[in-house]
Amino acid sequence: MRPRPEQSTTKLILRDLELGPATVNELEETIGVGRRNLRYYMRMLHELGAVKVVGWEQRTGPALPVYGVDGREKQRPKRKYKRY
């Protein structure tokens, strides 16, 4: 089943992002929806223009997008690590 914009999960996501930018991992903790499902919702909301990628967070591994409602769209940073 594909997510729809009128579902309550999208309302929860937008409510949390009104408070400030967050990654999918942070939204998982506050909303209680699994990361895998949240990625579908975030992709849909991003394509609709409801949310933007306002930053990127990288500790180890690939960079995670930081989503927000306000701010400029930021491009993915270059990879720090080479794959062998």
Protein backbone atom coordinates (compact mmCIF):
# COMPACT_ATOMS: atom_id res chain seq x y z
CA MET A 1 0.00 0.00 0.00
CA ARG A 2 1.38 3.38 -1.01
CA PRO A 3 1.13 6.37 1.33
CA ARG A 4 -1.36 9.12 0.57
CA PRO A 5 -1.04 12.81 1.54
CA GLU A 6 -4.32 12.79 3.49
CA GLN A 7 -3.27 10.02 5.89
CA SER A 8 -2.75 10.87 9.55
CA THR A 9 0.93 9.85 9.44
CA THR A 10 1.68 12.70 7.06
CA LYS A 11 -0.05 15.10 9.44
CA LEU A 12 2.13 13.83 12.31
CA ILE A 13 5.28 14.24 10.21
CA LEU A 14 4.39 17.79 9.21
CA ARG A 15 3.48 18.69 12.81
CA ASP A 16 6.88 17.46 14.05
CA LEU A 17 8.76 19.25 11.28
CA GLU A 18 7.01 22.51 12.18
CA LEU A 19 8.89 22.34 15.49
CA GLY A 20 12.23 21.98 13.72
CA PRO A 21 14.22 19.97 11.19
CA ALA A 22 14.70 16.24 11.77
CA THR A 23 16.12 13.10 10.18
CA VAL A 24 14.07 9.98 9.52
CA ASN A 25 15.71 8.35 12.57
CA GLU A 26 14.55 11.20 14.82
CA LEU A 27 11.04 11.14 13.37
CA GLU A 28 10.88 7.40 14.00
CA GLU A 29 11.34 8.00 17.72
CA THR A 30 8.76 10.78 18.01
CA ILE A 31 6.04 9.43 15.70
CA GLY A 32 6.39 5.70 16.30
CA VAL A 33 6.38 4.67 12.63
CA GLY A 34 9.18 2.46 11.31
CA ARG A 35 12.09 3.98 9.40
CA ARG A 36 11.34 1.98 6.29
CA ASN A 37 7.77 3.29 6.11
CA LEU A 38 8.84 6.84 6.97
CA ARG A 39 11.17 6.91 3.97
CA TYR A 40 8.19 6.35 1.65
CA TYR A 41 6.28 9.19 3.31
CA MET A 42 9.26 11.54 3.19
CA ARG A 43 9.87 10.80 -0.49
CA MET A 44 6.21 11.50 -1.26
CA LEU A 45 6.12 14.73 0.78
CA HIS A 46 9.39 15.88 -0.80
CA GLU A 47 8.05 15.28 -4.33
CA LEU A 48 4.88 17.21 -3.45
CA GLY A 49 6.98 20.10 -2.13
CA ALA A 50 5.61 19.90 1.42
CA VAL A 51 9.06 19.25 2.93
CA LYS A 52 12.62 20.15 1.90
CA VAL A 53 16.05 18.70 2.54
CA VAL A 54 17.49 21.51 4.64
CA GLY A 55 20.74 19.76 5.55
CA TRP A 56 22.69 16.53 5.67
CA GLU A 57 23.93 14.64 8.73
CA GLN A 58 26.88 12.29 8.46
CA ARG A 59 28.67 10.55 11.28
CA THR A 60 29.72 7.27 9.70
CA GLY A 61 28.38 5.70 6.56
CA PRO A 62 26.16 7.51 4.07
CA ALA A 63 24.82 11.01 4.74
CA LEU A 64 21.25 11.20 6.04
CA PRO A 65 18.94 13.95 4.82
CA VAL A 66 17.63 16.40 7.41
CA TYR A 67 14.07 17.35 6.48
CA GLY A 68 12.35 20.61 7.31
CA VAL A 69 9.44 22.76 6.22
CA ASP A 70 11.30 26.07 6.04
CA GLY A 71 14.69 26.80 4.56
CA ARG A 72 16.62 26.22 1.39
CA GLU A 73 16.97 22.92 -0.41
CA LYS A 74 20.54 21.59 0.04
CA GLN A 75 22.36 19.24 -2.29
CA ARG A 76 23.84 15.93 -1.14
CA PRO A 77 27.48 16.39 -0.03
CA LYS A 78 30.32 14.54 -1.70
CA ARG A 79 31.23 11.17 -0.23
CA LYS A 80 33.86 11.29 2.49
CA TYR A 81 34.82 7.66 2.20
CA LYS A 82 35.81 5.55 -0.77
CA ARG A 83 34.26 2.17 -1.40
CA TYR A 84 36.64 -0.64 -2.25
